[in-house]
Amino acid sequence: MAQPHVSRWGLVACAVILAGCATRPINPPISQANPSSGYRFETRQADVKDKDALVILAFSGGGTRAAAFSYGALEYLRRTEIVTPKGRGRLIDQVDIITGVSGGSFTALAYGLYGDKLFDDYEQRFLKRDVQGAIISRSLNPGNWARLSSTAWGRSELAAELYDEVLFNNATFGDLNRGKGPLILASATDISSGARVVFQQGTFDVLCSDLNAVPLSRAAAASSAVPVVLSPVTLNNYGGTCNMTPPAWVKRFVDTDNPPRPAARAIRSLKSLADFEDSAKRPYVHLVDGGVSDNVGMRGVLDSLEILEAMQEAGVPTQLDSAKRIVVFIVNSLSVPPTTWDESESPPGSVEILLKSSGVPIDRYSFEAVELLRDMAARWNTMRKIRTSAAMAGNKDPAVAAITRGPDAEIYAIDVSFAALKDKGELAYLNQQPTTFVLPDEAVDRLRAAAGTVMADSPEFKRLLRDVGGTLVPAPAAAP
């Protein structure tokens, strides 16, 4: 979702599109949940090449601005190889997970579907297309009015139809589940509770539904369904009908008055998900823009790392116990255009206030999410030093061992945002780009280039390279 800008898109859409129906559900039920199958983190571990490292890309919201900026990050990783004592390979092939929100979800899902083929035509198919104008045009087309006024169709369904035509070609999550490439985690927001809903089979197990049958276009539509402008995307909830049993580790967090620490945010997320198990009370789930609950795609990352920390401190084995490095690229297209409001005695108008007030909390959380990851990295580093010192001193006191138990992994929080640009003129230009689904070709190209520039200049990225004994070289040109 994102950052507030007064755009014709929002105002025109609100004024001329009167139908408010929710998109009807298309997710089928399952009779038996199977935690060892489906599109989820656990089933992808056999394909992970480097068990010592977990590499995550988090793509923020922000319309085409976010889609182009995140695409630029992928372009940089694709055209750059890293040479280490272990060997040589493209940076993009080291990525294990990509989270996507709103505009960033389009790039994430499209890369998950097409892989390297995405770089052949993504610009023309999506980034440099007037997607916004096409949705408005279809909304104003009398041929669509009957459908838009029906309870079985909504504006997000109209948008998803367009996304299939121009980008996804009717692909579903079953087409992503091909055993290679990163795990793609697009997220939306449950409008009833404000809970983050991630399109992965673990979530759909709770709904007793088959994610493999869900179109990618529907996930992208849900993740970018700006409230009011676009209708909610509705899922059927069959929770409680498929003998779904939560993993044993979940009980340590939600079935006790004294859960392992630190995991407060993670516990809240787990309990919000558990609420879907009562489908008799909640037969439907209505989803809106993922930016409402997490505009930088970082909440899931933070929740997972909190759980990892709490479980390791409790001595419970996890799938990430062997990880020595957790690398998170926070690809954040947050823009903060300056205003002149404080130069006048007259306050801004109602529309400007509405847009600003809805975006400020999101922007603040975007900043805090990055800082929370850095705080976690510092805490893990401190505990690791204490463990090392105790071991070197021969201290085998069980009390000391219990206090200092925790993850051995080093966290690298690599900030890829406009604010990191050294060129202030370029920073000012990018900050002026609105949160819409249409931008000038020049803006798209400059956003793509800026992402690579920020990544190459990142002090945290350079620290990672030093720690792994790596050097960067241009990747060989792709075959025509």
Protein backbone atom coordinates (compact mmCIF):
# COMPACT_ATOMS: atom_id res chain seq x y z
CA MET A 1 0.00 0.00 0.00
CA ALA A 2 1.40 2.64 0.45
CA GLN A 3 2.56 6.07 0.88
CA PRO A 4 -0.11 8.71 0.44
CA HIS A 5 -0.24 10.81 -2.71
CA VAL A 6 -3.24 12.68 -4.08
CA SER A 7 -3.69 10.95 -7.42
CA ARG A 8 -6.37 11.05 -10.07
CA TRP A 9 -6.45 7.28 -9.81
CA GLY A 10 -7.89 7.28 -6.33
CA LEU A 11 -10.21 10.25 -6.80
CA VAL A 12 -11.58 9.22 -10.17
CA ALA A 13 -12.06 5.62 -9.11
CA CYS A 14 -13.92 6.62 -5.97
CA ALA A 15 -16.10 9.04 -7.89
CA VAL A 16 -17.09 6.94 -10.89
CA ILE A 17 -16.99 3.32 -9.72
CA LEU A 18 -20.00 2.88 -7.50
CA ALA A 19 -20.23 -0.90 -7.19
CA GLY A 20 -18.86 -2.08 -3.85
CA CYS A 21 -19.19 -5.82 -4.17
CA ALA A 22 -16.45 -8.06 -2.88
CA THR A 23 -14.69 -10.44 -5.22
CA ARG A 24 -16.22 -13.89 -4.80
CA PRO A 25 -14.04 -16.73 -3.58
CA ILE A 26 -12.41 -19.28 -5.85
CA ASN A 27 -10.27 -21.30 -3.40
CA PRO A 28 -11.42 -24.95 -3.20
CA PRO A 29 -11.49 -27.01 0.02
CA ILE A 30 -9.22 -29.86 1.04
CA SER A 31 -10.39 -32.83 3.08
CA GLN A 32 -7.06 -33.46 4.81
CA ALA A 33 -4.26 -31.03 5.65
CA ASN A 34 -0.81 -32.41 4.87
CA PRO A 35 2.10 -30.42 6.38
CA SER A 36 4.59 -32.24 4.15
CA SER A 37 3.12 -31.04 0.86
CA GLY A 38 2.06 -27.85 -0.84
CA TYR A 39 3.67 -24.47 -1.40
CA ARG A 40 5.39 -23.76 1.93
CA PHE A 41 8.83 -23.18 3.42
CA GLU A 42 9.21 -26.67 4.82
CA THR A 43 8.76 -28.45 1.48
CA ARG A 44 11.36 -26.26 -0.21
CA GLN A 45 14.25 -27.05 2.10
CA ALA A 46 15.45 -30.03 0.08
CA ASP A 47 16.18 -27.67 -2.83
CA VAL A 48 18.22 -25.16 -0.80
CA LYS A 49 21.80 -25.17 -2.03
CA ASP A 50 23.53 -23.42 0.87
CA LYS A 51 22.32 -24.63 4.27
CA ASP A 52 24.67 -22.17 5.96
CA ALA A 53 22.84 -19.11 4.66
CA LEU A 54 19.26 -17.89 4.36
CA VAL A 55 18.83 -15.02 1.87
CA ILE A 56 15.58 -13.05 1.89
CA LEU A 57 14.36 -10.20 -0.31
CA ALA A 58 11.54 -8.08 1.15
CA PHE A 59 9.70 -6.03 -1.51
CA SER A 60 7.63 -3.13 -0.19
CA GLY A 61 4.39 -1.66 -1.45
CA GLY A 62 4.11 1.49 -3.53
CA GLY A 63 2.40 0.73 -6.87
CA THR A 64 4.52 0.78 -10.01
CA ARG A 65 7.20 2.66 -8.07
CA ALA A 66 7.64 -0.40 -5.84
CA ALA A 67 7.36 -2.86 -8.72
CA ALA A 68 10.10 -1.05 -10.68
CA PHE A 69 12.41 -0.55 -7.70
CA SER A 70 12.17 -4.22 -6.68
CA TYR A 71 12.72 -5.26 -10.30
CA GLY A 72 15.89 -3.16 -10.32
CA ALA A 73 17.08 -5.09 -7.25
CA LEU A 74 16.53 -8.37 -9.11
CA GLU A 75 18.36 -7.02 -12.15
CA TYR A 76 21.39 -6.12 -10.03
CA LEU A 77 21.48 -9.54 -8.38
CA ARG A 78 21.15 -11.23 -11.77
CA ARG A 79 23.97 -9.36 -13.46
CA THR A 80 26.38 -9.80 -10.55
CA GLU A 81 28.26 -12.92 -9.45
CA ILE A 82 29.93 -13.57 -6.13
CA VAL A 83 33.21 -15.46 -5.90
CA THR A 84 33.95 -17.08 -2.52
CA PRO A 85 36.18 -19.93 -1.32
CA LYS A 86 33.13 -22.18 -1.87
CA GLY A 87 32.83 -21.29 -5.55
CA ARG A 88 31.22 -18.81 -7.90
CA GLY A 89 27.59 -18.06 -8.70
CA ARG A 90 25.06 -15.38 -9.49
CA LEU A 91 23.73 -13.46 -6.53
CA ILE A 92 20.14 -13.99 -7.66
CA ASP A 93 20.58 -17.75 -7.43
CA GLN A 94 21.40 -17.44 -3.72
CA VAL A 95 17.95 -16.03 -2.87
CA ASP A 96 15.75 -18.39 -0.83
CA ILE A 97 12.65 -16.30 -0.07
CA ILE A 98 11.01 -13.21 -1.56
CA THR A 99 8.23 -11.47 0.35
CA GLY A 100 6.03 -9.08 -1.60
CA VAL A 101 3.44 -6.50 -0.60
CA SER A 102 1.13 -4.57 -2.92
CA GLY A 103 3.21 -3.26 -5.85
CA GLY A 104 6.18 -5.37 -4.78
CA SER A 105 4.06 -8.53 -4.93
CA PHE A 106 3.75 -8.25 -8.73
CA THR A 107 7.52 -8.42 -9.22
CA ALA A 108 7.87 -11.19 -6.63
CA LEU A 109 5.11 -13.38 -8.07
CA ALA A 110 6.16 -12.79 -11.67
CA TYR A 111 9.77 -13.74 -10.90
CA GLY A 112 8.59 -16.84 -9.06
CA LEU A 113 6.58 -17.82 -12.14
CA TYR A 114 9.01 -16.98 -14.94
CA GLY A 115 12.49 -16.99 -13.40
CA ASP A 116 15.05 -15.57 -15.82
CA LYS A 117 12.43 -15.28 -18.55
CA LEU A 118 10.94 -12.38 -16.59
CA PHE A 119 13.80 -10.15 -17.73
CA ASP A 120 12.80 -10.52 -21.37
CA ASP A 121 9.59 -8.49 -21.26
CA TYR A 122 8.51 -7.43 -17.74
CA GLU A 123 9.09 -3.79 -18.56
CA GLN A 124 6.71 -3.76 -21.50
CA ARG A 125 4.19 -6.21 -20.08
CA PHE A 126 3.76 -4.41 -16.78
CA LEU A 127 6.17 -1.70 -15.63
CA LYS A 128 5.76 0.56 -18.66
CA ARG A 129 2.08 -0.18 -19.20
CA ASP A 130 -0.71 2.11 -18.01
CA VAL A 131 -2.24 -0.53 -15.75
CA GLN A 132 -4.15 2.09 -13.80
CA GLY A 133 -5.71 3.57 -16.92
CA ALA A 134 -6.69 0.12 -18.16
CA ILE A 135 -8.52 -0.67 -14.91
CA ILE A 136 -10.36 2.67 -14.97
CA SER A 137 -11.25 2.19 -18.63
CA ARG A 138 -12.70 -1.24 -17.93
CA SER A 139 -14.61 0.13 -14.96
CA LEU A 140 -16.22 2.77 -17.18
CA ASN A 141 -17.01 0.29 -19.93
CA PRO A 142 -20.81 -0.30 -19.93
CA GLY A 143 -20.11 -3.91 -20.87
CA ASN A 144 -18.72 -4.47 -17.35
CA TRP A 145 -21.38 -2.63 -15.38
CA ALA A 146 -23.65 -5.65 -14.99
CA ARG A 147 -20.81 -7.70 -13.57
CA LEU A 148 -19.65 -4.87 -11.31
CA SER A 149 -23.15 -4.53 -9.87
CA SER A 150 -23.39 -8.26 -9.17
CA THR A 151 -22.71 -9.79 -5.77
CA ALA A 152 -20.51 -12.34 -7.56
CA TRP A 153 -18.01 -9.83 -8.93
CA GLY A 154 -16.05 -6.80 -7.77
CA ARG A 155 -13.50 -4.27 -8.91
CA SER A 156 -10.60 -6.43 -7.75
CA GLU A 157 -11.92 -9.27 -9.95
CA LEU A 158 -11.83 -6.87 -12.87
CA ALA A 159 -8.24 -5.95 -11.96
CA ALA A 160 -7.24 -9.62 -11.56
CA GLU A 161 -8.65 -10.34 -15.02
CA LEU A 162 -6.36 -7.66 -16.43
CA TYR A 163 -3.35 -8.96 -14.48
CA ASP A 164 -3.90 -12.40 -16.01
CA GLU A 165 -4.05 -10.95 -19.50
CA VAL A 166 -0.93 -8.82 -19.28
CA LEU A 167 1.28 -10.73 -16.85
CA PHE A 168 0.26 -14.02 -15.24
CA ASN A 169 -1.43 -15.92 -18.09
CA ASN A 170 -3.89 -17.66 -15.73
CA ALA A 171 -1.07 -19.29 -13.73
CA THR A 172 -1.79 -20.54 -10.20
CA PHE A 173 0.34 -21.23 -7.15
CA GLY A 174 0.58 -24.78 -8.42
CA ASP A 175 2.73 -23.38 -11.22
CA LEU A 176 5.13 -21.89 -8.66
CA ASN A 177 5.52 -25.19 -6.85
CA ARG A 178 8.11 -26.52 -9.28
CA GLY A 179 10.90 -27.21 -6.79
CA LYS A 180 13.35 -24.51 -7.86
CA GLY A 181 13.71 -20.80 -7.43
CA PRO A 182 12.89 -18.84 -4.28
CA LEU A 183 9.75 -19.24 -2.21
CA ILE A 184 7.41 -16.32 -3.00
CA LEU A 185 5.32 -15.01 -0.10
CA ALA A 186 2.76 -12.40 -1.17
CA SER A 187 0.66 -10.99 1.64
CA ALA A 188 -2.65 -9.20 2.11
CA THR A 189 -4.62 -7.95 5.14
CA ASP A 190 -7.74 -9.45 6.70
CA ILE A 191 -9.95 -6.37 6.87
CA SER A 192 -11.94 -7.76 9.83
CA SER A 193 -9.03 -8.26 12.22
CA GLY A 194 -6.11 -6.42 10.61
CA ALA A 195 -4.17 -9.70 10.55
CA ARG A 196 -1.55 -10.33 7.90
CA VAL A 197 -2.56 -13.16 5.55
CA VAL A 198 0.26 -14.77 3.57
CA PHE A 199 -0.40 -16.79 0.44
CA GLN A 200 1.39 -19.99 1.45
CA GLN A 201 -0.04 -23.44 2.14
CA GLY A 202 0.53 -23.17 5.89
CA THR A 203 -2.03 -20.35 5.98
CA PHE A 204 -4.38 -22.22 3.65
CA ASP A 205 -4.13 -25.33 5.85
CA VAL A 206 -5.88 -23.32 8.55
CA LEU A 207 -8.53 -22.35 5.98
CA CYS A 208 -8.68 -26.04 4.90
CA SER A 209 -8.15 -24.90 1.34
CA ASP A 210 -5.87 -25.73 -1.59
CA LEU A 211 -3.51 -22.87 -2.41
CA ASN A 212 -2.28 -24.61 -5.57
CA ALA A 213 -5.61 -23.82 -7.25
CA VAL A 214 -5.52 -20.08 -6.45
CA PRO A 215 -4.56 -17.82 -9.38
CA LEU A 216 -1.49 -15.64 -8.93
CA SER A 217 -3.55 -12.75 -10.28
CA ARG A 218 -5.94 -13.12 -7.34
CA ALA A 219 -3.07 -12.97 -4.85
CA ALA A 220 -1.66 -9.87 -6.56
CA ALA A 221 -5.12 -8.28 -6.58
CA ALA A 222 -5.58 -8.98 -2.87
CA SER A 223 -2.13 -7.71 -1.97
CA SER A 224 -2.79 -4.43 -3.82
CA ALA A 225 -6.51 -3.96 -3.09
CA VAL A 226 -6.39 -0.41 -1.79
CA PRO A 227 -9.44 0.02 0.47
CA VAL A 228 -12.38 1.88 -1.15
CA VAL A 229 -10.64 2.24 -4.51
CA LEU A 230 -10.68 -1.53 -5.08
CA SER A 231 -13.03 -4.12 -3.58
CA PRO A 232 -11.82 -6.69 -1.07
CA VAL A 233 -10.77 -10.08 -2.38
CA THR A 234 -12.83 -12.77 -0.69
CA LEU A 235 -11.71 -16.28 0.23
CA ASN A 236 -13.87 -19.17 1.38
CA ASN A 237 -12.98 -20.36 4.85
CA TYR A 238 -13.44 -24.09 5.47
CA GLY A 239 -11.42 -24.02 8.71
CA GLY A 240 -11.99 -26.93 11.07
CA THR A 241 -13.02 -29.42 8.37
CA CYS A 242 -9.68 -30.97 7.31
CA ASN A 243 -8.21 -32.40 10.53
CA MET A 244 -5.53 -29.72 10.53
CA THR A 245 -3.17 -30.10 13.49
CA PRO A 246 -0.82 -27.21 14.24
CA PRO A 247 2.88 -28.11 14.47
CA ALA A 248 3.93 -29.16 17.96
CA TRP A 249 6.11 -26.08 18.38
CA VAL A 250 3.05 -23.80 18.06
CA LYS A 251 1.68 -25.11 21.37
CA ARG A 252 4.76 -23.80 23.18
CA PHE A 253 3.68 -20.29 22.19
CA VAL A 254 -0.12 -20.20 22.25
CA ASP A 255 -1.16 -22.81 24.83
CA THR A 256 0.66 -21.38 27.82
CA ASP A 257 0.56 -18.35 30.07
CA ASN A 258 4.34 -18.15 30.04
CA PRO A 259 5.48 -18.56 26.40
CA PRO A 260 9.12 -18.47 25.35
CA ARG A 261 10.53 -15.00 24.87
CA PRO A 262 10.96 -12.95 22.80
CA ALA A 263 7.94 -13.71 20.65
CA ALA A 264 5.09 -11.31 21.45
CA ARG A 265 4.47 -10.23 17.85
CA ALA A 266 4.84 -13.78 16.58
CA ILE A 267 2.33 -15.07 19.14
CA ARG A 268 -0.18 -12.44 18.08
CA SER A 269 0.21 -13.51 14.45
CA LEU A 270 -0.23 -17.18 15.37
CA LYS A 271 -3.38 -16.46 17.36
CA SER A 272 -4.82 -14.31 14.55
CA LEU A 273 -4.31 -17.19 12.15
CA ALA A 274 -5.87 -19.65 14.60
CA ASP A 275 -9.05 -17.53 14.62
CA PHE A 276 -9.77 -18.78 11.09
CA GLU A 277 -10.26 -22.33 12.38
CA ASP A 278 -13.89 -21.57 13.28
CA SER A 279 -15.41 -21.45 9.79
CA ALA A 280 -18.93 -21.70 11.20
CA LYS A 281 -18.48 -18.25 12.67
CA ARG A 282 -16.21 -16.91 9.90
CA PRO A 283 -17.16 -18.63 6.60
CA TYR A 284 -15.44 -15.90 4.56
CA VAL A 285 -12.20 -13.95 4.74
CA HIS A 286 -12.12 -10.51 3.11
CA LEU A 287 -8.66 -9.32 2.09
CA VAL A 288 -7.38 -5.83 1.28
CA ASP A 289 -3.99 -4.28 0.54
CA GLY A 290 -1.11 -5.96 2.36
CA GLY A 291 0.38 -2.57 3.15
CA VAL A 292 -2.34 -1.99 5.75
CA SER A 293 -0.67 -4.59 8.01
CA ASP A 294 2.92 -4.57 6.70
CA ASN A 295 4.11 -2.24 3.96
CA VAL A 296 7.69 -3.51 3.75
CA GLY A 297 7.06 -7.25 3.86
CA MET A 298 9.03 -7.53 7.10
CA ARG A 299 6.52 -8.68 9.69
CA GLY A 300 6.72 -12.28 8.59
CA VAL A 301 10.52 -12.12 8.64
CA LEU A 302 10.56 -10.65 12.13
CA ASP A 303 7.97 -13.14 13.41
CA SER A 304 9.97 -16.08 12.05
CA LEU A 305 13.24 -14.86 13.55
CA GLU A 306 11.55 -14.21 16.90
CA ILE A 307 10.24 -17.79 16.90
CA LEU A 308 13.67 -19.09 15.90
CA GLU A 309 15.30 -17.19 18.76
CA ALA A 310 12.74 -18.31 21.33
CA MET A 311 12.90 -21.96 20.25
CA GLN A 312 16.68 -22.09 20.26
CA GLU A 313 16.82 -20.44 23.67
CA ALA A 314 14.40 -23.14 24.84
CA GLY A 315 16.61 -25.85 23.34
CA VAL A 316 14.05 -26.87 20.69
CA PRO A 317 15.54 -27.90 17.29
CA THR A 318 14.56 -25.83 14.23
CA GLN A 319 15.12 -26.05 10.49
CA LEU A 320 17.46 -23.05 10.65
CA ASP A 321 19.82 -24.34 13.33
CA SER A 322 22.57 -24.80 10.74
CA ALA A 323 22.30 -21.28 9.36
CA LYS A 324 25.38 -19.15 9.97
CA ARG A 325 24.14 -16.11 8.07
CA ILE A 326 20.65 -14.66 7.61
CA VAL A 327 20.74 -11.99 4.93
CA VAL A 328 17.73 -9.69 4.48
CA PHE A 329 17.56 -7.13 1.67
CA ILE A 330 14.82 -4.66 2.63
CA VAL A 331 13.87 -3.24 -0.79
CA ASN A 332 11.77 -0.31 0.37
CA SER A 333 10.37 2.20 -2.13
CA LEU A 334 8.96 4.45 0.57
CA SER A 335 8.80 7.99 -0.78
CA VAL A 336 8.50 11.09 1.38
CA PRO A 337 7.70 14.03 -0.88
CA PRO A 338 8.04 17.39 0.85
CA THR A 339 4.99 19.56 1.46
CA THR A 340 4.56 23.29 2.00
CA TRP A 341 1.71 22.87 4.46
CA ASP A 342 3.64 24.34 7.40
CA GLU A 343 4.40 27.49 5.46
CA SER A 344 0.78 28.60 5.51
CA GLU A 345 -1.65 29.44 8.27
CA SER A 346 -4.37 27.59 6.36
CA PRO A 347 -4.37 23.83 7.01
CA PRO A 348 -4.41 21.31 4.15
CA GLY A 349 -7.73 20.17 2.70
CA SER A 350 -9.74 17.16 3.81
CA VAL A 351 -8.56 14.87 1.03
CA GLU A 352 -4.90 15.67 1.70
CA ILE A 353 -5.39 15.09 5.43
CA LEU A 354 -7.18 11.79 4.82
CA LEU A 355 -4.43 10.49 2.56
CA LYS A 356 -1.63 11.66 4.83
CA SER A 357 -3.22 10.33 8.00
CA SER A 358 -3.72 6.90 6.45
CA GLY A 359 -0.12 6.73 5.28
CA VAL A 360 1.87 8.11 8.22
CA PRO A 361 1.37 5.06 10.50
CA ILE A 362 2.39 2.78 7.62
CA ASP A 363 5.50 4.83 6.94
CA ARG A 364 6.44 4.85 10.63
CA TYR A 365 6.11 1.09 10.87
CA SER A 366 8.23 0.70 7.74
CA PHE A 367 11.05 2.48 9.57
CA GLU A 368 10.53 0.56 12.80
CA ALA A 369 10.55 -2.83 11.05
CA VAL A 370 14.05 -2.22 9.72
CA GLU A 371 15.26 -0.97 13.10
CA LEU A 372 13.75 -3.99 14.88
CA LEU A 373 15.72 -6.27 12.60
CA ARG A 374 18.90 -4.33 13.36
CA ASP A 375 18.16 -4.51 17.10
CA MET A 376 17.70 -8.26 16.79
CA ALA A 377 21.00 -8.55 14.93
CA ALA A 378 22.77 -6.63 17.70
CA ARG A 379 21.19 -8.79 20.42
CA TRP A 380 22.15 -12.04 18.71
CA ASN A 381 25.67 -10.74 18.21
CA THR A 382 26.01 -9.83 21.89
CA MET A 383 24.80 -13.23 23.07
CA ARG A 384 27.10 -14.96 20.62
CA LYS A 385 30.10 -13.06 22.02
CA ILE A 386 29.12 -13.98 25.57
CA ARG A 387 28.87 -17.67 24.61
CA THR A 388 32.25 -17.52 22.91
CA SER A 389 33.88 -15.82 25.90
CA ALA A 390 32.38 -18.35 28.31
CA ALA A 391 33.59 -21.25 26.17
CA MET A 392 37.09 -19.81 25.90
CA ALA A 393 37.19 -19.37 29.67
CA GLY A 394 36.12 -22.97 30.16
CA ASN A 395 32.95 -21.93 31.96
CA LYS A 396 30.61 -24.92 31.84
CA ASP A 397 28.10 -23.63 34.39
CA PRO A 398 24.61 -24.83 33.22
CA ALA A 399 23.10 -21.54 34.34
CA VAL A 400 25.44 -19.59 32.08
CA ALA A 401 24.74 -21.97 29.21
CA ALA A 402 20.98 -21.54 29.65
CA ILE A 403 21.17 -17.77 29.79
CA THR A 404 23.32 -17.45 26.69
CA ARG A 405 21.63 -20.12 24.54
CA GLY A 406 20.39 -18.77 21.21
CA PRO A 407 20.95 -18.52 17.46
CA ASP A 408 24.49 -18.59 16.13
CA ALA A 409 23.51 -16.92 12.86
CA GLU A 410 24.78 -13.47 11.97
CA ILE A 411 22.03 -11.19 10.65
CA TYR A 412 22.77 -8.78 7.80
CA ALA A 413 20.05 -6.14 7.44
CA ILE A 414 20.74 -4.54 4.05
CA ASP A 415 18.70 -1.36 3.59
CA VAL A 416 17.81 -0.75 -0.07
CA SER A 417 15.82 2.47 0.04
CA PHE A 418 15.76 5.91 -1.54
CA ALA A 419 17.22 7.46 1.60
CA ALA A 420 20.48 5.54 1.02
CA LEU A 421 21.11 7.32 -2.30
CA LYS A 422 24.14 9.61 -2.24
CA ASP A 423 22.85 11.62 -5.20
CA LYS A 424 20.43 14.06 -3.56
CA GLY A 425 19.04 15.16 -6.89
CA GLU A 426 18.11 11.59 -7.75
CA LEU A 427 16.66 11.13 -4.25
CA ALA A 428 14.45 14.20 -4.75
CA TYR A 429 13.29 12.92 -8.15
CA LEU A 430 12.36 9.45 -6.86
CA ASN A 431 10.62 10.92 -3.82
CA GLN A 432 8.26 12.74 -6.16
CA GLN A 433 7.02 9.57 -7.86
CA PRO A 434 3.43 8.85 -6.78
CA THR A 435 1.86 5.63 -5.56
CA THR A 436 -0.01 4.79 -8.74
CA PHE A 437 0.01 2.00 -11.29
CA VAL A 438 1.36 4.16 -14.08
CA LEU A 439 4.66 6.03 -14.28
CA PRO A 440 6.65 7.65 -17.09
CA ASP A 441 9.18 5.35 -18.76
CA GLU A 442 11.99 7.57 -17.50
CA ALA A 443 10.85 7.14 -13.88
CA VAL A 444 10.71 3.36 -14.29
CA ASP A 445 14.26 3.28 -15.68
CA ARG A 446 15.63 5.55 -12.98
CA LEU A 447 13.96 3.50 -10.24
CA ARG A 448 15.54 0.33 -11.62
CA ALA A 449 18.97 1.91 -11.80
CA ALA A 450 18.68 3.39 -8.31
CA ALA A 451 18.07 -0.02 -6.72
CA GLY A 452 21.33 -1.37 -8.15
CA THR A 453 23.23 1.73 -7.09
CA VAL A 454 22.01 1.49 -3.49
CA MET A 455 22.79 -2.22 -3.26
CA ALA A 456 26.30 -1.81 -4.62
CA ASP A 457 27.03 1.05 -2.20
CA SER A 458 25.49 -0.56 0.90
CA PRO A 459 27.95 -0.72 3.85
CA GLU A 460 26.09 -3.75 5.24
CA PHE A 461 26.34 -5.55 1.91
CA LYS A 462 30.06 -4.83 1.81
CA ARG A 463 30.38 -6.21 5.36
CA LEU A 464 28.70 -9.42 4.21
CA LEU A 465 31.14 -9.74 1.33
CA ARG A 466 34.10 -9.29 3.67
CA ASP A 467 32.77 -11.87 6.11
CA VAL A 468 32.31 -14.54 3.44
CA GLY A 469 35.58 -13.70 1.73
CA GLY A 470 33.71 -12.80 -1.43
CA THR A 471 34.31 -10.53 -4.37
CA LEU A 472 31.81 -9.37 -6.96
CA VAL A 473 32.23 -9.74 -10.70
CA PRO A 474 29.87 -9.11 -13.62
CA ALA A 475 27.86 -12.19 -14.52
CA PRO A 476 28.30 -13.57 -18.04
CA ALA A 477 25.85 -12.15 -20.55
CA ALA A 478 22.71 -14.21 -20.99
CA ALA A 479 22.43 -16.26 -24.17
CA PRO A 480 20.28 -14.59 -26.85
